[in-house]
Amino acid sequence: MATIRERGLEKFNPLEKVLVYDDFDLGLNGWLDLTPNFVHEDYRSQPSQVDLGSWGPSMLSAAPMRFAASHGSMEGTYSLKLGTRPTARAYELPPADGSMSTVIKRLSRVNHDHRYLQLEAWYSYTPAQDRWGKGEEDIRAFGMWFDIQDDEYRWQPGVRYVNSVNGTKVKRWQLFQLADAVTREEWTGSPDGWEAPGIDAIWCGRRYSDGSADGFQWVPEGEQSLVYNESPDKLNWLYLRLLVDLERREYVEFQSMGRTFDLRGTGATLAPTYDGISGLINPVFFIETDTERSVFLYVDSVVYSTGASPKA
């Protein structure tokens, strides 16, 4: 049987079945801004402590800079660019409206005999080049997660890189995992909040001055100084991979560049099912600013794969 060779996949390590291979030189490929649920009269959305409709937009971008007219992507011209608005609050407060940018691809589970799910990406991050200085400390956090719902639970395993907290660089990885005994009111900031504890961690839950939060736990030995370069117009492309076990509802491993973190036995936070979304396996990327400065996450390409085995 003939094998079709896709050279772009050589920089990835997919599982048995490649469900998605998105090179953003070919378009948006179904990725779009994560928007609120507009389900109330006059096209109003469900209430939340954060205005989800104010987030910075995503777009295809050639990464134009003040000096380099077009930086381009890792391979080609265009990447998927997430950009926040130039607004922020102190880390300990709920995120400011517009301080994040988030993209999602809406997918459904097909191979129920495939126990493992993996997301890989090549990406870069930088602030807007609108003032003097390196600007690295202006990027608060970024990462990716899965939004999964099976027949019994909704759960959102993911990773978050805490780069800076109130101007102090942290450079440490976290897992999406709920702290003990967090109530719905503490999670949503309101007695009438609709998000279940453990769901939508990037804007829910309390945050603390050391970079910890109700919705995240530090990855053991998760300190990592990523390549940022020496000015905002110089993008270095980085590799990220997350593997989860759909049967056990657990993390398996997470890789950032040359480091792989063994997470076997680490359970995801399980929440009750939501109506109408069973079979969900949506991948999501996000970035958050730490100051009143726009910051950007550039995603060159993404591979989303499943398999009966955790190895390729």
Protein backbone atom coordinates (compact mmCIF):
# COMPACT_ATOMS: atom_id res chain seq x y z
CA MET A 1 0.00 0.00 0.00
CA ALA A 2 1.39 3.40 -0.99
CA THR A 3 2.25 5.88 1.76
CA ILE A 4 1.78 9.61 1.23
CA ARG A 5 4.62 11.56 2.85
CA GLU A 6 3.79 14.95 4.33
CA ARG A 7 7.08 16.72 5.01
CA GLY A 8 5.46 19.23 7.39
CA LEU A 9 4.60 16.41 9.80
CA GLU A 10 8.28 15.59 10.31
CA LYS A 11 8.55 18.26 13.01
CA PHE A 12 5.76 16.55 14.99
CA ASN A 13 5.37 13.21 16.76
CA PRO A 14 1.68 12.27 16.24
CA LEU A 15 -0.16 9.23 17.55
CA GLU A 16 -1.73 6.55 15.36
CA LYS A 17 -4.36 8.72 13.65
CA VAL A 18 -3.81 12.38 12.72
CA LEU A 19 -7.20 13.99 13.19
CA VAL A 20 -6.02 17.54 12.43
CA TYR A 21 -2.89 18.90 10.78
CA ASP A 22 -3.26 22.66 10.42
CA ASP A 23 -0.64 24.75 8.63
CA PHE A 24 -1.89 28.33 8.81
CA ASP A 25 -0.35 29.20 5.45
CA LEU A 26 -3.45 27.41 4.16
CA GLY A 27 -6.00 29.48 6.09
CA LEU A 28 -7.72 29.55 9.48
CA ASN A 29 -8.71 25.88 9.15
CA GLY A 30 -11.72 26.21 11.44
CA TRP A 31 -9.94 27.97 14.33
CA LEU A 32 -11.91 30.93 15.69
CA ASP A 33 -12.22 33.20 18.71
CA LEU A 34 -13.77 31.63 21.81
CA THR A 35 -16.96 33.63 22.25
CA PRO A 36 -19.69 33.70 24.93
CA ASN A 37 -22.92 31.72 24.74
CA PHE A 38 -25.45 34.21 23.33
CA VAL A 39 -28.57 32.53 24.65
CA HIS A 40 -30.58 35.34 26.26
CA GLU A 41 -33.00 37.90 24.89
CA ASP A 42 -31.56 40.64 22.64
CA TYR A 43 -28.51 38.48 21.87
CA ARG A 44 -27.19 38.79 25.43
CA SER A 45 -24.80 36.17 26.75
CA GLN A 46 -24.70 34.33 30.04
CA PRO A 47 -23.34 36.56 32.85
CA SER A 48 -19.71 36.11 33.89
CA GLN A 49 -17.17 37.97 36.02
CA VAL A 50 -15.26 38.60 32.76
CA ASP A 51 -16.70 40.11 29.57
CA LEU A 52 -15.89 37.23 27.25
CA GLY A 53 -16.96 39.24 24.22
CA SER A 54 -14.19 41.80 24.79
CA TRP A 55 -11.24 39.48 24.20
CA GLY A 56 -8.63 40.44 21.67
CA PRO A 57 -9.20 38.92 18.22
CA SER A 58 -7.29 36.19 16.44
CA MET A 59 -6.20 36.45 12.81
CA LEU A 60 -3.85 35.13 10.18
CA SER A 61 -0.65 37.14 10.33
CA ALA A 62 2.69 37.48 8.56
CA ALA A 63 3.96 38.86 11.90
CA PRO A 64 4.76 42.42 10.73
CA MET A 65 7.24 44.28 12.92
CA ARG A 66 8.47 47.88 13.03
CA PHE A 67 11.84 46.91 11.53
CA ALA A 68 11.10 43.67 9.68
CA ALA A 69 8.11 44.38 7.44
CA SER A 70 7.10 40.69 7.56
CA HIS A 71 8.70 38.27 9.97
CA GLY A 72 6.77 35.35 8.51
CA SER A 73 6.07 32.01 10.18
CA MET A 74 8.30 29.08 11.03
CA GLU A 75 7.70 27.57 7.61
CA GLY A 76 6.03 29.93 5.19
CA THR A 77 4.39 33.31 5.60
CA TYR A 78 1.34 33.05 7.87
CA SER A 79 0.75 31.90 11.43
CA LEU A 80 -2.35 32.08 13.62
CA LYS A 81 -1.95 35.20 15.77
CA LEU A 82 -3.71 35.69 19.10
CA GLY A 83 -3.57 39.28 20.30
CA THR A 84 -4.77 40.77 23.58
CA ARG A 85 -5.95 44.33 24.04
CA PRO A 86 -3.65 46.75 25.96
CA THR A 87 -5.38 46.35 29.32
CA ALA A 88 -4.63 44.45 32.54
CA ARG A 89 -5.28 44.26 36.25
CA ALA A 90 -3.12 43.05 39.10
CA TYR A 91 -2.69 39.29 38.93
CA GLU A 92 -4.70 38.74 42.13
CA LEU A 93 -7.83 40.31 40.60
CA PRO A 94 -10.15 38.81 37.97
CA PRO A 95 -8.66 39.30 34.48
CA ALA A 96 -9.41 42.67 32.90
CA ASP A 97 -11.87 42.70 30.01
CA GLY A 98 -9.80 42.30 26.86
CA SER A 99 -6.63 41.15 28.63
CA MET A 100 -6.76 37.71 26.99
CA SER A 101 -7.02 36.24 23.52
CA THR A 102 -8.30 32.70 23.02
CA VAL A 103 -8.87 30.46 19.98
CA ILE A 104 -10.69 27.16 19.71
CA LYS A 105 -11.35 24.47 17.11
CA ARG A 106 -14.67 22.70 17.61
CA LEU A 107 -14.34 18.94 17.14
CA SER A 108 -16.14 15.73 18.13
CA ARG A 109 -14.76 12.37 19.18
CA VAL A 110 -14.79 9.76 16.40
CA ASN A 111 -12.59 6.79 17.38
CA HIS A 112 -13.92 5.56 20.72
CA ASP A 113 -11.37 2.73 20.69
CA HIS A 114 -8.61 5.34 20.68
CA ARG A 115 -7.78 5.86 24.33
CA TYR A 116 -5.17 8.62 23.97
CA LEU A 117 -5.47 12.20 22.76
CA GLN A 118 -2.52 14.46 21.91
CA LEU A 119 -2.08 18.11 20.93
CA GLU A 120 1.18 19.44 19.45
CA ALA A 121 2.12 22.92 18.26
CA TRP A 122 5.02 25.11 17.17
CA TYR A 123 4.53 28.62 18.54
CA SER A 124 6.19 31.90 19.54
CA TYR A 125 5.22 34.81 21.80
CA THR A 126 6.06 38.51 22.02
CA PRO A 127 4.58 41.87 23.08
CA ALA A 128 3.65 44.68 20.70
CA GLN A 129 6.78 46.57 19.71
CA ASP A 130 5.33 49.91 20.76
CA ARG A 131 7.87 51.13 23.36
CA TRP A 132 11.49 50.75 24.41
CA GLY A 133 12.80 47.70 26.26
CA LYS A 134 12.66 43.94 25.80
CA GLY A 135 9.05 43.57 27.01
CA GLU A 136 9.32 39.97 28.12
CA GLU A 137 7.91 40.76 31.56
CA ASP A 138 4.72 42.14 29.97
CA ILE A 139 3.52 38.65 28.98
CA ARG A 140 1.64 37.11 31.91
CA ALA A 141 0.73 33.61 30.74
CA PHE A 142 -0.08 31.42 27.76
CA GLY A 143 -0.87 27.79 27.07
CA MET A 144 -3.29 25.26 25.65
CA TRP A 145 -5.95 22.85 26.85
CA PHE A 146 -8.53 20.29 25.76
CA ASP A 147 -12.23 20.86 26.38
CA ILE A 148 -13.56 17.30 26.71
CA GLN A 149 -16.98 15.92 27.56
CA ASP A 150 -17.69 12.19 27.68
CA ASP A 151 -20.87 10.45 28.83
CA GLU A 152 -20.17 11.14 32.52
CA TYR A 153 -18.01 14.24 32.94
CA ARG A 154 -16.75 17.45 31.42
CA TRP A 155 -13.03 18.01 31.99
CA GLN A 156 -10.37 20.39 30.73
CA PRO A 157 -6.79 19.10 30.99
CA GLY A 158 -4.20 21.63 29.90
CA VAL A 159 -0.93 23.43 30.56
CA ARG A 160 -0.23 27.06 31.40
CA TYR A 161 3.13 28.83 31.32
CA VAL A 162 3.25 31.54 34.00
CA ASN A 163 5.77 33.93 32.51
CA SER A 164 5.31 37.02 34.67
CA VAL A 165 3.26 38.09 37.68
CA ASN A 166 2.83 41.81 38.31
CA GLY A 167 6.05 42.51 36.40
CA THR A 168 8.16 39.81 38.07
CA LYS A 169 9.24 36.94 35.82
CA VAL A 170 8.21 33.48 37.08
CA LYS A 171 8.80 31.17 34.06
CA ARG A 172 7.12 28.07 35.44
CA TRP A 173 4.57 25.57 34.12
CA GLN A 174 1.20 24.71 35.65
CA LEU A 175 -1.43 22.05 35.02
CA PHE A 176 -5.14 22.75 34.81
CA GLN A 177 -6.22 21.16 38.09
CA LEU A 178 -8.63 22.45 40.71
CA ALA A 179 -7.51 23.13 44.28
CA ASP A 180 -9.37 21.37 47.10
CA ALA A 181 -12.72 22.60 48.44
CA VAL A 182 -13.33 25.46 45.99
CA THR A 183 -17.01 26.44 45.94
CA ARG A 184 -18.95 27.55 42.87
CA GLU A 185 -19.25 31.07 44.32
CA GLU A 186 -15.47 31.23 44.90
CA TRP A 187 -14.92 29.89 41.40
CA THR A 188 -17.25 32.26 39.56
CA GLY A 189 -17.14 35.29 41.86
CA SER A 190 -20.93 35.21 42.18
CA PRO A 191 -23.58 33.10 43.95
CA ASP A 192 -25.31 32.91 40.55
CA GLY A 193 -22.23 31.92 38.53
CA TRP A 194 -22.82 29.27 35.85
CA GLU A 195 -19.30 27.84 35.37
CA ALA A 196 -18.71 24.58 37.27
CA PRO A 197 -15.54 24.54 39.44
CA GLY A 198 -12.66 23.34 37.28
CA ILE A 199 -14.20 24.58 34.02
CA ASP A 200 -12.86 27.71 32.28
CA ALA A 201 -9.89 28.07 34.62
CA ILE A 202 -8.19 30.85 32.67
CA TRP A 203 -10.78 33.37 33.85
CA CYS A 204 -12.40 31.66 36.86
CA GLY A 205 -11.16 31.09 40.41
CA ARG A 206 -9.03 33.10 42.79
CA ARG A 207 -5.42 34.01 41.99
CA TYR A 208 -2.53 34.56 44.38
CA SER A 209 0.56 36.78 44.32
CA ASP A 210 3.05 33.94 43.75
CA GLY A 211 1.36 33.00 40.47
CA SER A 212 -0.72 30.15 41.89
CA ALA A 213 -4.49 30.01 41.42
CA ASP A 214 -7.53 27.92 42.33
CA GLY A 215 -7.65 26.37 38.87
CA PHE A 216 -3.98 25.44 38.46
CA GLN A 217 -1.32 23.35 40.17
CA TRP A 218 2.43 23.72 39.61
CA VAL A 219 4.09 21.06 37.47
CA PRO A 220 6.74 19.33 39.65
CA GLU A 221 10.15 20.74 38.70
CA GLY A 222 8.30 22.79 36.10
CA GLU A 223 10.65 25.78 36.04
CA GLN A 224 11.78 26.45 32.47
CA SER A 225 13.39 29.47 30.88
CA LEU A 226 12.02 29.54 27.32
CA VAL A 227 13.80 31.26 24.45
CA TYR A 228 12.38 34.78 24.14
CA ASN A 229 15.25 36.54 22.29
CA GLU A 230 16.47 40.10 22.81
CA SER A 231 13.74 42.31 21.35
CA PRO A 232 10.03 41.97 20.49
CA ASP A 233 10.63 41.74 16.73
CA LYS A 234 12.64 38.48 16.92
CA LEU A 235 10.50 35.36 17.07
CA ASN A 236 11.97 32.02 18.12
CA TRP A 237 9.71 29.04 17.40
CA LEU A 238 9.05 26.61 20.27
CA TYR A 239 7.52 23.13 20.50
CA LEU A 240 4.72 22.08 22.87
CA ARG A 241 2.98 18.70 23.28
CA LEU A 242 0.32 17.42 25.70
CA LEU A 243 -0.87 13.79 25.92
CA VAL A 244 -3.92 12.66 27.95
CA ASP A 245 -5.65 9.35 28.69
CA LEU A 246 -9.36 9.50 27.82
CA GLU A 247 -10.15 6.22 29.59
CA ARG A 248 -8.56 7.11 32.94
CA ARG A 249 -9.25 10.86 32.54
CA GLU A 250 -5.62 11.52 33.45
CA TYR A 251 -2.58 13.35 32.20
CA VAL A 252 0.11 11.14 30.64
CA GLU A 253 2.93 13.49 29.70
CA PHE A 254 3.70 17.01 28.63
CA GLN A 255 6.67 18.14 26.55
CA SER A 256 8.07 21.66 26.20
CA MET A 257 10.99 21.82 23.79
CA GLY A 258 13.54 19.19 24.94
CA ARG A 259 11.95 18.56 28.36
CA THR A 260 9.30 15.89 28.91
CA PHE A 261 7.32 15.80 32.17
CA ASP A 262 5.92 12.42 33.24
CA LEU A 263 2.41 13.11 34.56
CA ARG A 264 1.03 9.58 34.75
CA GLY A 265 -1.36 9.16 37.67
CA THR A 266 -2.28 12.86 37.73
CA GLY A 267 -6.04 13.08 37.41
CA ALA A 268 -7.92 15.84 35.63
CA THR A 269 -10.63 17.84 37.40
CA LEU A 270 -14.02 16.28 36.66
CA ALA A 271 -17.17 18.40 36.47
CA PRO A 272 -20.79 17.42 35.78
CA THR A 273 -21.76 17.19 32.12
CA TYR A 274 -23.17 20.23 30.34
CA ASP A 275 -26.24 19.87 28.12
CA GLY A 276 -25.69 19.31 24.41
CA ILE A 277 -21.91 18.81 24.22
CA SER A 278 -21.23 15.11 24.86
CA GLY A 279 -18.45 13.90 22.56
CA LEU A 280 -16.63 17.24 22.72
CA ILE A 281 -12.81 17.18 22.20
CA ASN A 282 -12.04 20.84 21.46
CA PRO A 283 -8.41 22.09 21.47
CA VAL A 284 -7.84 25.65 22.77
CA PHE A 285 -4.90 28.11 22.85
CA PHE A 286 -4.69 31.32 24.91
CA ILE A 287 -2.46 34.22 25.96
CA GLU A 288 -2.85 36.88 28.69
CA THR A 289 -1.10 40.22 29.16
CA ASP A 290 0.41 41.35 32.49
CA THR A 291 0.39 45.09 31.71
CA GLU A 292 -1.44 47.67 29.63
CA ARG A 293 0.30 46.42 26.51
CA SER A 294 -0.92 44.08 23.80
CA VAL A 295 0.86 40.72 23.69
CA PHE A 296 0.77 38.08 20.98
CA LEU A 297 0.91 34.31 20.63
CA TYR A 298 1.84 33.08 17.14
CA VAL A 299 0.94 29.47 16.30
CA ASP A 300 2.77 28.21 13.20
CA SER A 301 1.11 24.81 12.94
CA VAL A 302 -0.88 22.30 14.99
CA VAL A 303 -1.28 18.52 15.00
CA TYR A 304 -4.12 16.85 16.90
CA SER A 305 -3.97 13.06 16.98
CA THR A 306 -5.50 10.01 18.68
CA GLY A 307 -4.37 6.46 19.24
CA ALA A 308 -4.92 3.18 21.01
CA SER A 309 -1.34 3.48 22.30
CA PRO A 310 0.39 6.50 23.92
CA LYS A 311 3.30 6.12 21.49
CA ALA A 312 3.45 7.08 17.84
